[in-house]
Amino acid sequence: MTVPSFPQYDTPTVITYLSVLQKLSDALEQENVEAFTAAVQEYDNITRLDPWITSLLLKLKKTIGGDDEDIT
């Protein structure tokens, strides 16, 4: 899946977030647990993940064969 572009929002912060979201999407499509975990860690370095998002990301990780290990 390609993340759509919105030129009016092309700021460095938004571009960084979109880049990480693209990596998450690609990792899910490829069922690549290592790439998914790396993208989550990259996102967590930009902004701390709250418990709700962490819970959702763990559920997604399980769908691609990951275990319950810490993803942050």
Protein backbone atom coordinates (compact mmCIF):
# COMPACT_ATOMS: atom_id res chain seq x y z
CA MET A 1 0.00 0.00 0.00
CA THR A 2 1.31 3.43 -0.86
CA VAL A 3 0.73 6.29 1.55
CA PRO A 4 -0.88 9.16 -0.38
CA SER A 5 0.96 12.45 -0.71
CA PHE A 6 -0.45 15.75 0.49
CA PRO A 7 1.90 18.57 -0.59
CA GLN A 8 0.37 21.07 1.83
CA TYR A 9 1.61 18.86 4.68
CA ASP A 10 5.12 18.22 3.35
CA THR A 11 6.97 19.27 6.48
CA PRO A 12 9.96 17.31 7.76
CA THR A 13 7.98 15.96 10.72
CA VAL A 14 5.04 14.79 8.62
CA ILE A 15 7.36 13.29 6.01
CA THR A 16 9.17 11.36 8.76
CA TYR A 17 5.88 10.02 10.17
CA LEU A 18 4.69 9.02 6.70
CA SER A 19 7.98 7.29 6.00
CA VAL A 20 7.64 5.21 9.15
CA LEU A 21 4.00 4.41 8.39
CA GLN A 22 5.05 3.28 4.90
CA LYS A 23 7.66 0.98 6.46
CA LEU A 24 5.02 -0.47 8.80
CA SER A 25 2.66 -1.04 5.89
CA ASP A 26 5.37 -2.68 3.77
CA ALA A 27 6.43 -4.94 6.64
CA LEU A 28 2.82 -6.06 7.17
CA GLU A 29 2.32 -6.78 3.47
CA GLN A 30 5.59 -8.75 3.34
CA GLU A 31 4.85 -10.43 6.68
CA ASN A 32 8.32 -9.37 7.83
CA VAL A 33 8.41 -9.35 11.64
CA GLU A 34 11.93 -7.91 11.84
CA ALA A 35 11.10 -4.97 9.55
CA PHE A 36 7.84 -4.37 11.43
CA THR A 37 9.64 -4.28 14.78
CA ALA A 38 12.31 -1.95 13.39
CA ALA A 39 9.65 0.43 12.07
CA VAL A 40 7.83 0.41 15.41
CA GLN A 41 11.09 1.19 17.21
CA GLU A 42 11.79 4.01 14.75
CA TYR A 43 8.33 5.46 15.40
CA ASP A 44 8.83 5.11 19.16
CA ASN A 45 12.07 7.08 18.85
CA ILE A 46 10.15 9.95 17.22
CA THR A 47 7.25 9.94 19.67
CA ARG A 48 6.57 7.61 22.56
CA LEU A 49 3.92 5.01 21.89
CA ASP A 50 0.96 5.12 24.22
CA PRO A 51 -0.45 1.87 25.66
CA TRP A 52 -3.40 1.78 23.26
CA ILE A 53 -1.21 2.04 20.13
CA THR A 54 1.25 -0.46 21.61
CA SER A 55 -1.61 -2.91 22.12
CA LEU A 56 -2.77 -2.51 18.52
CA LEU A 57 0.75 -2.91 17.16
CA LEU A 58 1.24 -6.10 19.18
CA LYS A 59 -1.99 -7.51 17.72
CA LEU A 60 -0.76 -6.67 14.22
CA LYS A 61 2.61 -8.23 14.94
CA LYS A 62 0.92 -11.46 16.05
CA THR A 63 -0.89 -11.64 12.69
CA ILE A 64 2.47 -11.82 10.90
CA GLY A 65 3.98 -14.43 13.18
CA GLY A 66 5.49 -12.35 15.95
CA ASP A 67 5.30 -13.25 19.59
CA ASP A 68 4.41 -11.20 22.65
CA GLU A 69 7.88 -9.72 23.09
CA ASP A 70 8.25 -6.01 23.74
CA ILE A 71 8.08 -4.07 20.47
CA THR A 72 9.38 -0.75 21.76
